[in-house]
Protein backbone atom coordinates (compact mmCIF):
# COMPACT_ATOMS: atom_id res chain seq x y z
CA ALA A 1 79.97 20.24 -97.68
CA ALA A 2 81.87 18.46 -100.47
CA GLN A 3 82.37 21.72 -102.38
CA LEU A 4 83.59 23.50 -99.27
CA PHE A 5 85.95 20.66 -98.40
CA PHE A 6 87.61 20.39 -101.80
CA THR A 7 87.67 24.15 -102.42
CA PHE A 8 89.49 24.92 -99.20
CA LEU A 9 91.64 21.78 -99.28
CA LEU A 10 92.92 22.61 -102.76
CA GLY A 11 93.20 26.32 -101.93
CA ALA A 12 95.17 25.89 -98.71
CA SER A 13 97.36 23.18 -100.29
CA GLU A 14 98.07 25.50 -103.23
CA PHE A 15 99.58 28.15 -100.96
CA CYS A 16 101.70 25.52 -99.23
CA LEU A 17 102.85 24.28 -102.65
CA LEU A 18 103.74 27.85 -103.68
CA ALA A 19 105.90 28.09 -100.54
CA ALA A 20 107.53 24.75 -101.39
CA MET A 21 108.16 25.96 -104.95
CA SER A 22 109.86 29.09 -103.61
CA TYR A 23 112.20 26.84 -101.63
CA ASP A 24 112.84 24.89 -104.82
CA ARG A 25 113.78 28.15 -106.60
CA TYR A 26 116.06 29.05 -103.67
CA VAL A 27 117.92 25.75 -103.96
CA ALA A 28 118.16 26.05 -107.76
CA ILE A 29 119.73 29.53 -107.63
CA CYS A 30 121.62 29.59 -104.33
CA LYS A 31 122.81 25.94 -104.30
CA PRO A 32 122.80 24.86 -107.96
CA LEU A 33 125.52 22.22 -107.60
CA HIS A 34 123.63 20.48 -104.79
CA TYR A 35 120.18 20.80 -106.36
CA THR A 36 119.74 17.17 -107.41
CA THR A 37 120.90 16.00 -103.98
CA ILE A 38 118.75 18.39 -101.91
CA MET A 39 115.62 18.23 -104.10
CA SER A 40 115.59 14.49 -104.57
CA ASN A 41 112.46 12.55 -105.47
CA LYS A 42 112.02 11.55 -101.82
CA ILE A 43 112.21 15.15 -100.61
CA CYS A 44 109.77 16.31 -103.29
CA MET A 45 107.28 13.62 -102.30
CA GLN A 46 107.63 14.58 -98.64
CA LEU A 47 107.06 18.26 -99.46
CA VAL A 48 103.93 17.47 -101.46
CA PHE A 49 102.59 15.25 -98.67
CA CYS A 50 103.25 17.97 -96.08
CA CYS A 51 101.43 20.51 -98.25
CA TRP A 52 98.34 18.31 -98.53
CA PHE A 53 98.44 17.48 -94.80
CA ALA A 54 98.79 21.15 -93.84
CA GLY A 55 95.88 22.09 -96.12
CA SER A 56 93.58 19.47 -94.61
CA PHE A 57 94.66 20.33 -91.05
CA VAL A 58 93.80 24.00 -91.58
CA ILE A 59 90.31 23.45 -92.97
CA PHE A 60 88.95 20.62 -90.83
CA PRO A 61 88.12 22.51 -87.57
CA PRO A 62 85.99 25.31 -89.11
CA LEU A 63 84.45 22.90 -91.64
CA LEU A 64 83.32 20.37 -89.02
CA LEU A 65 81.95 23.14 -86.85
CA GLY A 66 80.12 24.70 -89.80
CA LEU A 67 78.42 21.42 -90.76
CA ASN A 68 76.52 21.50 -87.46
CA ASP A 69 74.80 24.70 -88.57
CA PHE A 70 71.32 24.78 -90.07
CA TYR A 71 70.55 27.14 -92.91
CA ALA A 72 67.41 29.20 -93.31
CA PHE A 73 67.25 29.04 -97.13
CA ASN A 74 68.52 26.77 -99.88
CA ILE A 75 69.51 29.57 -102.30
CA VAL A 76 73.21 30.45 -102.24
CA ASP A 77 74.13 33.90 -103.57
CA HIS A 78 77.24 32.67 -105.38
CA PHE A 79 78.28 30.42 -108.25
CA TYR A 80 79.61 27.79 -105.81
CA CYS A 81 79.24 27.00 -102.10
CA ALA A 82 81.74 29.45 -100.66
CA THR A 83 81.96 30.38 -97.00
CA THR A 84 80.58 33.91 -97.27
CA PRO A 85 77.19 33.13 -98.91
CA LEU A 86 76.68 30.07 -96.70
CA LEU A 87 77.27 32.07 -93.54
CA GLN A 88 74.82 34.68 -94.80
CA ILE A 89 71.93 32.20 -94.96
CA SER A 90 72.76 30.58 -91.62
CA CYS A 91 70.02 30.88 -89.03
CA SER A 92 72.43 30.81 -86.08
CA ASP A 93 75.18 33.08 -84.83
CA THR A 94 78.12 32.95 -87.25
CA GLN A 95 80.60 35.04 -85.27
CA LEU A 96 82.60 32.02 -84.11
CA LEU A 97 82.72 30.56 -87.62
CA GLU A 98 83.72 33.92 -89.08
CA THR A 99 86.50 34.22 -86.52
CA MET A 100 87.77 30.70 -87.15
CA GLY A 101 87.64 31.17 -90.92
CA TYR A 102 89.42 34.50 -90.62
CA ILE A 103 92.15 33.03 -88.42
CA SER A 104 92.59 29.97 -90.66
CA ALA A 105 92.91 32.10 -93.79
CA LEU A 106 95.20 34.59 -92.07
CA VAL A 107 97.50 31.92 -90.64
CA THR A 108 97.73 30.11 -93.98
CA LEU A 109 98.47 33.31 -95.90
CA ILE A 110 100.97 34.72 -93.40
CA VAL A 111 102.92 31.51 -92.75
CA THR A 112 103.29 30.62 -96.43
CA LEU A 113 103.97 34.24 -97.42
CA VAL A 114 106.74 34.53 -94.82
CA MET A 115 108.34 31.37 -96.22
CA VAL A 116 108.12 32.80 -99.74
CA ILE A 117 109.61 36.14 -98.66
CA ILE A 118 112.51 34.46 -96.85
CA SER A 119 113.31 32.30 -99.89
CA TYR A 120 113.18 35.21 -102.31
CA THR A 121 115.23 37.42 -100.00
CA TYR A 122 118.07 34.91 -100.23
CA ILE A 123 117.47 34.58 -103.99
CA VAL A 124 117.68 38.35 -104.58
CA LEU A 125 120.80 38.68 -102.43
CA ARG A 126 122.37 35.84 -104.41
CA ILE A 127 121.41 37.36 -107.77
CA LEU A 128 122.86 40.75 -106.80
CA LYS A 129 126.22 39.08 -106.23
CA ILE A 130 126.27 37.76 -109.80
CA LEU A 131 128.47 39.96 -111.98
CA SER A 132 127.33 38.73 -115.38
CA VAL A 133 124.25 40.50 -116.74
CA ASN A 134 123.19 37.45 -118.76
CA GLN A 135 123.36 35.22 -115.70
CA ARG A 136 121.26 37.72 -113.74
CA LYS A 137 118.61 37.73 -116.46
CA LYS A 138 118.62 33.95 -116.52
CA ALA A 139 118.23 33.77 -112.75
CA PHE A 140 115.36 36.27 -112.76
CA SER A 141 113.63 34.45 -115.63
CA THR A 142 113.81 31.25 -113.56
CA CYS A 143 111.71 32.88 -110.82
CA SER A 144 109.54 35.25 -112.87
CA SER A 145 106.72 32.81 -113.63
CA HIS A 146 106.51 31.70 -110.01
CA MET A 147 106.45 35.32 -108.80
CA ILE A 148 103.57 36.18 -111.16
CA VAL A 149 101.51 33.24 -109.90
CA ILE A 150 102.27 34.22 -106.29
CA SER A 151 101.10 37.79 -106.94
CA LEU A 152 97.83 36.60 -108.50
CA SER A 153 97.11 34.00 -105.82
CA TYR A 154 97.97 36.05 -102.74
CA GLY A 155 96.47 39.26 -104.08
CA SER A 156 93.09 37.74 -104.90
CA CYS A 157 92.85 35.77 -101.64
CA ILE A 158 93.79 38.72 -99.47
CA PHE A 159 90.93 40.73 -100.97
CA MET A 160 88.60 37.74 -100.79
CA TYR A 161 89.07 36.54 -97.21
CA VAL A 162 90.83 39.14 -95.09
CA LYS A 163 87.78 41.27 -94.42
CA PRO A 164 86.10 41.99 -91.05
CA SER A 165 82.50 41.06 -91.87
CA VAL A 166 80.60 38.67 -94.10
CA LYS A 167 78.09 41.31 -95.22
CA GLN A 168 80.79 43.74 -96.36
CA ARG A 169 82.45 41.31 -98.77
CA THR A 170 79.46 39.64 -100.43
CA SER A 171 79.01 42.15 -103.25
CA TYR A 172 82.50 41.91 -104.72
CA SER A 173 83.52 38.42 -103.54
CA LYS A 174 82.03 36.91 -106.70
CA GLY A 175 84.34 38.88 -108.97
CA ILE A 176 87.38 38.07 -106.85
CA ALA A 177 86.31 34.41 -106.77
CA VAL A 178 86.18 34.33 -110.58
CA LEU A 179 89.71 35.75 -110.69
CA ASN A 180 90.96 33.25 -108.12
CA THR A 181 89.18 30.10 -109.29
CA SER A 182 89.11 30.58 -113.07
CA VAL A 183 91.24 33.37 -114.55
CA ALA A 184 94.38 32.65 -112.51
CA LEU A 185 94.15 28.91 -113.20
CA LEU A 186 93.69 29.49 -116.94
CA LEU A 187 96.73 31.77 -116.99
CA ASN A 188 98.99 29.35 -115.10
CA PRO A 189 99.92 27.16 -118.12
CA PHE A 190 100.84 30.24 -120.16
CA ILE A 191 102.75 31.86 -117.29
CA TYR A 192 104.80 28.74 -116.59
CA THR A 193 105.52 27.81 -120.22
CA LEU A 194 106.10 31.10 -122.07
CA TRP A 195 109.49 31.47 -120.37
CA ASN A 196 110.56 28.16 -121.93
CA LYS A 197 112.65 28.69 -125.05
CA GLN A 198 111.08 25.83 -126.99
CA VAL A 199 107.57 27.04 -126.18
CA LYS A 200 108.46 30.62 -127.13
CA THR A 201 109.92 29.45 -130.43
CA ALA A 202 106.87 27.31 -131.21
CA PHE A 203 104.54 30.17 -130.24
CA MET A 204 106.35 32.68 -132.46
CA ASN A 205 106.35 30.21 -135.37
CA MET A 206 102.60 29.76 -134.96
CA VAL A 207 102.06 33.54 -134.91
CA HIS A 208 104.14 33.96 -138.09
CA LYS A 209 102.16 31.21 -139.81
CA ILE A 210 98.85 32.81 -138.81
CA VAL A 211 100.01 36.25 -140.01
CA SER A 212 101.31 34.89 -143.32
CA PHE A 213 98.11 32.90 -143.85
CA SER A 214 95.93 35.93 -143.14
CA ASN A 215 97.95 38.06 -145.57
CA LYS A 216 97.34 35.51 -148.32
């Protein structure tokens, strides 16, 4: 129960945070002169609180209903207590839980994805109006790391959760879960920092030192 709670709380909150970050990118590119006023510390704290509240609100109904279930075995066919393997070993009818989980995942993905698409639609329209090529590149580089993380997060979760039946997704859900819970999180620091000039310079200096040392 604890694993399920924290996994889905952090997962749902992450998608809400990605939507909030897309709004932050919209303000930074479309309203740069008002950025510090619009994205003040108070607003940022309120956005973070809303993301955590939305994540907990989405997961509580199916989680509380699922805790009333009894399971036939104590062996979970997964590397953590995910929904799919737990529903497989349930000794009662899981159709209602499957439906609730499907709706919760679908609503979370669609609502946050729509917010992301709206923000980036305005961002792209704004960038296309910029005449300078250098300014366009700078604007795109501002959003590139966030767009890569969005692609990884939404792509893996769509394959992981938006499926009609528990039995059909058990075989490959482990691989998708590894991508979503481990690989994507390990790549995040590199994705977000390699677009920073100081980090790029330090990284290239380290590569040159390694190459020169190996040649010696």
